[in-house]
Amino acid sequence: QVQLVESGGGLVQPGGSLRLSCAASGSIFSITDVGWYRQVPRKERAFVASITPGGSTNYADSVKGRFTISRDNAKNTVYLQMNSLKLEDTAVYYCNTNPAYYDWGQGTQVTVSS
């Protein structure tokens, strides 16, 4: 079973930046679309961004122009660079294939607060 481990979250002020990382235990990222998702309490997990094996990307409207997804297939790692963070970006961030197939990891908490 593939394990997904997210990291890089933290507390940041509005307008700040964070870079999230997602590492997979197996070599899955080079052969499948990978996505970042986020969830806030009492709401369903929502799509944030995705990237294909060829590097094509897709973003939720709410993060376009601020977030950038990238991948390093050799390291089985996918990144999410988040700039110009807003209060409403506060959430637990997860990665998975797109669409999601594997068990969800623990996620990484991102808190945007002044």
N, C-alpha and C. Protein backbone atom coordinates (compact mmCIF):
# COMPACT_ATOMS: atom_id res chain seq x y z
N GLN A 1 0.84 -1.19 0.00
CA GLN A 1 0.00 0.00 0.00
C GLN A 1 0.88 1.25 0.00
N VAL A 2 0.61 2.14 -0.90
CA VAL A 2 1.37 3.39 -0.97
C VAL A 2 1.01 4.28 0.21
N GLN A 3 2.03 4.87 0.79
CA GLN A 3 1.81 5.84 1.87
C GLN A 3 2.18 7.23 1.36
N LEU A 4 1.35 8.18 1.74
CA LEU A 4 1.56 9.57 1.35
C LEU A 4 1.85 10.39 2.59
N VAL A 5 2.91 11.18 2.54
CA VAL A 5 3.31 11.97 3.70
C VAL A 5 3.44 13.43 3.28
N GLU A 6 2.60 14.25 3.87
CA GLU A 6 2.63 15.68 3.58
C GLU A 6 3.42 16.41 4.65
N SER A 7 4.09 17.48 4.26
CA SER A 7 4.86 18.27 5.22
C SER A 7 4.99 19.70 4.71
N GLY A 8 5.44 20.58 5.58
CA GLY A 8 5.71 21.95 5.19
C GLY A 8 4.71 22.97 5.66
N GLY A 9 3.64 22.52 6.30
CA GLY A 9 2.65 23.46 6.78
C GLY A 9 3.16 24.28 7.95
N GLY A 10 2.34 25.23 8.37
CA GLY A 10 2.72 26.05 9.50
C GLY A 10 1.83 27.25 9.63
N LEU A 11 2.26 28.16 10.47
CA LEU A 11 1.53 29.41 10.72
C LEU A 11 2.20 30.53 9.94
N VAL A 12 1.41 31.26 9.19
CA VAL A 12 1.96 32.33 8.37
C VAL A 12 0.98 33.49 8.35
N GLN A 13 1.51 34.68 8.21
CA GLN A 13 0.66 35.85 8.14
C GLN A 13 0.06 36.01 6.75
N PRO A 14 -1.06 36.70 6.65
CA PRO A 14 -1.62 36.97 5.32
C PRO A 14 -0.59 37.63 4.42
N GLY A 15 -0.55 37.17 3.18
CA GLY A 15 0.45 37.66 2.23
C GLY A 15 1.73 36.86 2.23
N GLY A 16 1.88 35.98 3.17
CA GLY A 16 3.08 35.17 3.27
C GLY A 16 3.08 33.97 2.34
N SER A 17 4.13 33.17 2.46
CA SER A 17 4.31 32.02 1.57
C SER A 17 4.67 30.77 2.37
N LEU A 18 4.31 29.66 1.81
CA LEU A 18 4.71 28.35 2.32
C LEU A 18 4.93 27.42 1.15
N ARG A 19 5.76 26.42 1.37
CA ARG A 19 5.96 25.38 0.36
C ARG A 19 5.67 24.04 1.00
N LEU A 20 4.67 23.37 0.47
CA LEU A 20 4.30 22.05 0.96
C LEU A 20 4.97 20.97 0.12
N SER A 21 5.26 19.86 0.77
CA SER A 21 5.84 18.71 0.08
C SER A 21 4.99 17.49 0.32
N CYS A 22 4.95 16.63 -0.65
CA CYS A 22 4.23 15.36 -0.54
C CYS A 22 5.14 14.26 -1.05
N ALA A 23 5.47 13.34 -0.18
CA ALA A 23 6.33 12.22 -0.56
C ALA A 23 5.52 10.94 -0.58
N ALA A 24 5.77 10.12 -1.58
CA ALA A 24 5.09 8.83 -1.71
C ALA A 24 6.08 7.70 -1.47
N SER A 25 5.57 6.63 -0.85
CA SER A 25 6.45 5.50 -0.55
C SER A 25 6.76 4.68 -1.78
N GLY A 26 5.93 4.78 -2.81
CA GLY A 26 6.17 4.07 -4.04
C GLY A 26 6.37 5.03 -5.19
N SER A 27 6.84 4.48 -6.31
CA SER A 27 7.13 5.33 -7.47
C SER A 27 5.87 5.55 -8.29
N ILE A 28 4.91 6.23 -7.68
CA ILE A 28 3.63 6.40 -8.36
C ILE A 28 3.52 7.74 -9.06
N PHE A 29 4.27 8.71 -8.57
CA PHE A 29 4.04 10.06 -9.06
C PHE A 29 4.48 10.24 -10.51
N SER A 30 5.35 9.40 -10.97
CA SER A 30 5.84 9.58 -12.34
C SER A 30 4.86 9.01 -13.37
N ILE A 31 3.86 8.26 -12.91
CA ILE A 31 2.98 7.59 -13.86
C ILE A 31 1.52 7.98 -13.70
N THR A 32 1.23 8.91 -12.81
CA THR A 32 -0.16 9.26 -12.58
C THR A 32 -0.31 10.74 -12.25
N ASP A 33 -1.50 11.25 -12.50
CA ASP A 33 -1.80 12.62 -12.08
C ASP A 33 -1.79 12.69 -10.56
N VAL A 34 -1.29 13.77 -10.03
CA VAL A 34 -1.23 13.96 -8.59
C VAL A 34 -1.91 15.27 -8.24
N GLY A 35 -2.63 15.25 -7.13
CA GLY A 35 -3.35 16.45 -6.74
C GLY A 35 -3.10 16.86 -5.31
N TRP A 36 -3.29 18.12 -5.04
CA TRP A 36 -3.35 18.65 -3.69
C TRP A 36 -4.80 18.99 -3.39
N TYR A 37 -5.18 18.71 -2.15
CA TYR A 37 -6.54 18.95 -1.70
C TYR A 37 -6.46 19.63 -0.34
N ARG A 38 -7.56 20.23 0.09
CA ARG A 38 -7.57 20.82 1.41
C ARG A 38 -8.94 20.65 2.04
N GLN A 39 -8.92 20.67 3.36
CA GLN A 39 -10.16 20.46 4.11
C GLN A 39 -10.18 21.34 5.34
N VAL A 40 -11.32 21.95 5.55
CA VAL A 40 -11.56 22.71 6.77
C VAL A 40 -12.64 21.98 7.57
N PRO A 41 -12.71 22.21 8.88
CA PRO A 41 -13.69 21.49 9.70
C PRO A 41 -15.10 21.63 9.17
N ARG A 42 -15.82 20.51 9.18
CA ARG A 42 -17.23 20.44 8.81
C ARG A 42 -17.47 20.68 7.32
N LYS A 43 -16.42 20.61 6.54
CA LYS A 43 -16.58 20.72 5.09
C LYS A 43 -15.87 19.57 4.40
N GLU A 44 -16.31 19.27 3.21
CA GLU A 44 -15.68 18.19 2.46
C GLU A 44 -14.31 18.64 1.95
N ARG A 45 -13.48 17.64 1.72
CA ARG A 45 -12.16 17.90 1.15
C ARG A 45 -12.33 18.48 -0.25
N ALA A 46 -11.55 19.50 -0.57
CA ALA A 46 -11.72 20.20 -1.84
C ALA A 46 -10.44 20.15 -2.66
N PHE A 47 -10.61 20.10 -3.94
CA PHE A 47 -9.50 20.11 -4.88
C PHE A 47 -8.80 21.46 -4.87
N VAL A 48 -7.45 21.42 -4.92
CA VAL A 48 -6.68 22.65 -4.96
C VAL A 48 -5.91 22.76 -6.27
N ALA A 49 -5.17 21.71 -6.59
CA ALA A 49 -4.32 21.76 -7.79
C ALA A 49 -3.96 20.33 -8.19
N SER A 50 -3.59 20.16 -9.45
CA SER A 50 -3.14 18.86 -9.92
C SER A 50 -2.07 19.04 -10.98
N ILE A 51 -1.34 17.95 -11.19
CA ILE A 51 -0.28 17.96 -12.19
C ILE A 51 -0.21 16.59 -12.85
N THR A 52 -0.06 16.59 -14.15
CA THR A 52 0.02 15.33 -14.89
C THR A 52 1.48 14.86 -14.95
N PRO A 53 1.71 13.63 -15.36
CA PRO A 53 3.10 13.17 -15.50
C PRO A 53 3.91 14.04 -16.46
N GLY A 54 3.23 14.62 -17.42
CA GLY A 54 3.92 15.48 -18.38
C GLY A 54 4.13 16.90 -17.91
N GLY A 55 3.53 17.23 -16.76
CA GLY A 55 3.74 18.55 -16.19
C GLY A 55 2.61 19.54 -16.42
N SER A 56 1.54 19.13 -17.05
CA SER A 56 0.40 20.02 -17.20
C SER A 56 -0.29 20.20 -15.85
N THR A 57 -0.71 21.43 -15.59
CA THR A 57 -1.27 21.74 -14.28
C THR A 57 -2.70 22.26 -14.39
N ASN A 58 -3.40 22.13 -13.27
CA ASN A 58 -4.76 22.63 -13.18
C ASN A 58 -4.96 23.14 -11.76
N TYR A 59 -5.69 24.24 -11.63
CA TYR A 59 -5.87 24.85 -10.33
C TYR A 59 -7.33 25.20 -10.06
N ALA A 60 -7.70 25.16 -8.81
CA ALA A 60 -8.98 25.70 -8.40
C ALA A 60 -8.94 27.21 -8.63
N ASP A 61 -10.08 27.77 -8.97
CA ASP A 61 -10.13 29.21 -9.25
C ASP A 61 -9.63 30.04 -8.08
N SER A 62 -9.87 29.55 -6.88
CA SER A 62 -9.53 30.33 -5.69
C SER A 62 -8.03 30.47 -5.46
N VAL A 63 -7.23 29.63 -6.13
CA VAL A 63 -5.79 29.68 -5.90
C VAL A 63 -5.00 30.03 -7.16
N LYS A 64 -5.67 30.17 -8.26
CA LYS A 64 -4.98 30.50 -9.52
C LYS A 64 -4.17 31.78 -9.38
N GLY A 65 -2.95 31.72 -9.87
CA GLY A 65 -2.08 32.89 -9.80
C GLY A 65 -1.33 33.03 -8.50
N ARG A 66 -1.70 32.23 -7.50
CA ARG A 66 -1.04 32.31 -6.19
C ARG A 66 -0.30 31.03 -5.85
N PHE A 67 -0.84 29.89 -6.24
CA PHE A 67 -0.26 28.59 -5.93
C PHE A 67 0.36 27.99 -7.18
N THR A 68 1.43 27.24 -6.98
CA THR A 68 2.09 26.53 -8.07
C THR A 68 2.40 25.10 -7.64
N ILE A 69 1.90 24.16 -8.42
CA ILE A 69 2.20 22.75 -8.15
C ILE A 69 3.34 22.32 -9.05
N SER A 70 4.22 21.49 -8.51
CA SER A 70 5.33 20.97 -9.29
C SER A 70 5.66 19.57 -8.79
N ARG A 71 6.51 18.88 -9.53
CA ARG A 71 6.83 17.51 -9.14
C ARG A 71 8.28 17.20 -9.43
N ASP A 72 8.83 16.31 -8.64
CA ASP A 72 10.17 15.78 -8.86
C ASP A 72 10.02 14.27 -8.89
N ASN A 73 9.91 13.71 -10.08
CA ASN A 73 9.65 12.28 -10.19
C ASN A 73 10.78 11.44 -9.60
N ALA A 74 11.98 11.91 -9.71
CA ALA A 74 13.11 11.14 -9.19
C ALA A 74 13.04 11.01 -7.68
N LYS A 75 12.44 11.98 -7.04
CA LYS A 75 12.30 11.94 -5.58
C LYS A 75 10.92 11.49 -5.14
N ASN A 76 10.07 11.15 -6.09
CA ASN A 76 8.68 10.77 -5.77
C ASN A 76 8.03 11.82 -4.87
N THR A 77 8.21 13.05 -5.23
CA THR A 77 7.73 14.15 -4.40
C THR A 77 7.00 15.17 -5.27
N VAL A 78 5.92 15.67 -4.72
CA VAL A 78 5.16 16.74 -5.36
C VAL A 78 5.13 17.92 -4.40
N TYR A 79 5.22 19.11 -4.93
CA TYR A 79 5.28 20.32 -4.13
C TYR A 79 4.08 21.22 -4.41
N LEU A 80 3.78 22.05 -3.45
CA LEU A 80 2.79 23.10 -3.65
C LEU A 80 3.37 24.39 -3.07
N GLN A 81 3.76 25.27 -3.96
CA GLN A 81 4.24 26.58 -3.55
C GLN A 81 3.05 27.50 -3.41
N MET A 82 2.88 28.04 -2.21
CA MET A 82 1.72 28.89 -1.93
C MET A 82 2.20 30.29 -1.60
N ASN A 83 1.82 31.22 -2.43
CA ASN A 83 2.19 32.62 -2.23
C ASN A 83 0.95 33.46 -1.99
N SER A 84 1.15 34.66 -1.50
CA SER A 84 0.04 35.59 -1.25
C SER A 84 -1.09 34.91 -0.49
N LEU A 85 -0.73 34.23 0.56
CA LEU A 85 -1.72 33.46 1.32
C LEU A 85 -2.76 34.35 1.93
N LYS A 86 -3.99 33.82 1.97
CA LYS A 86 -5.13 34.53 2.52
C LYS A 86 -5.68 33.77 3.72
N LEU A 87 -6.47 34.46 4.52
CA LEU A 87 -7.07 33.81 5.68
C LEU A 87 -7.84 32.57 5.28
N GLU A 88 -8.51 32.65 4.15
CA GLU A 88 -9.36 31.54 3.71
C GLU A 88 -8.56 30.35 3.18
N ASP A 89 -7.25 30.47 3.09
CA ASP A 89 -6.42 29.32 2.72
C ASP A 89 -6.14 28.41 3.92
N THR A 90 -6.53 28.84 5.09
CA THR A 90 -6.34 28.02 6.28
C THR A 90 -7.09 26.70 6.13
N ALA A 91 -6.36 25.60 6.28
CA ALA A 91 -6.95 24.27 6.09
C ALA A 91 -5.87 23.23 6.36
N VAL A 92 -6.30 21.99 6.39
CA VAL A 92 -5.36 20.87 6.35
C VAL A 92 -5.20 20.49 4.88
N TYR A 93 -3.97 20.40 4.44
CA TYR A 93 -3.66 20.11 3.04
C TYR A 93 -3.20 18.67 2.90
N TYR A 94 -3.74 18.01 1.89
CA TYR A 94 -3.44 16.62 1.60
C TYR A 94 -3.02 16.48 0.13
N CYS A 95 -2.28 15.41 -0.12
CA CYS A 95 -2.00 15.05 -1.50
C CYS A 95 -2.52 13.64 -1.75
N ASN A 96 -2.75 13.35 -3.01
CA ASN A 96 -3.20 12.04 -3.43
C ASN A 96 -3.14 12.03 -4.95
N THR A 97 -3.44 10.89 -5.52
CA THR A 97 -3.57 10.90 -6.96
C THR A 97 -4.82 11.70 -7.32
N ASN A 98 -4.97 11.99 -8.59
CA ASN A 98 -6.13 12.73 -9.05
C ASN A 98 -6.79 11.98 -10.19
N PRO A 99 -7.96 11.38 -9.95
CA PRO A 99 -8.73 11.43 -8.70
C PRO A 99 -8.07 10.61 -7.59
N ALA A 100 -8.47 10.88 -6.37
CA ALA A 100 -7.87 10.23 -5.21
C ALA A 100 -8.11 8.74 -5.23
N TYR A 101 -7.05 7.98 -5.00
CA TYR A 101 -7.15 6.52 -5.02
C TYR A 101 -6.63 5.89 -3.73
N TYR A 102 -5.54 6.40 -3.22
CA TYR A 102 -4.91 5.80 -2.05
C TYR A 102 -5.51 6.34 -0.76
N ASP A 103 -5.21 5.66 0.33
CA ASP A 103 -5.63 6.15 1.64
C ASP A 103 -5.00 7.52 1.87
N TRP A 104 -5.78 8.38 2.50
CA TRP A 104 -5.29 9.72 2.77
C TRP A 104 -4.21 9.68 3.85
N GLY A 105 -3.23 10.56 3.72
CA GLY A 105 -2.22 10.70 4.75
C GLY A 105 -2.74 11.56 5.89
N GLN A 106 -1.82 11.99 6.75
CA GLN A 106 -2.19 12.80 7.90
C GLN A 106 -2.47 14.25 7.51
N GLY A 107 -1.94 14.66 6.38
CA GLY A 107 -2.10 16.05 5.98
C GLY A 107 -1.15 16.95 6.72
N THR A 108 -1.11 18.19 6.29
CA THR A 108 -0.28 19.19 6.95
C THR A 108 -1.11 20.46 7.14
N GLN A 109 -1.09 20.96 8.35
CA GLN A 109 -1.94 22.10 8.71
C GLN A 109 -1.30 23.40 8.21
N VAL A 110 -2.09 24.18 7.52
CA VAL A 110 -1.70 25.53 7.12
C VAL A 110 -2.64 26.50 7.80
N THR A 111 -2.07 27.41 8.56
CA THR A 111 -2.87 28.42 9.26
C THR A 111 -2.40 29.79 8.84
N VAL A 112 -3.31 30.55 8.26
CA VAL A 112 -3.00 31.91 7.86
C VAL A 112 -3.71 32.84 8.83
N SER A 113 -2.93 33.58 9.58
CA SER A 113 -3.51 34.41 10.62
C SER A 113 -2.60 35.58 10.91
N SER A 114 -3.19 36.70 11.25
CA SER A 114 -2.40 37.86 11.63
C SER A 114 -2.26 37.93 13.15
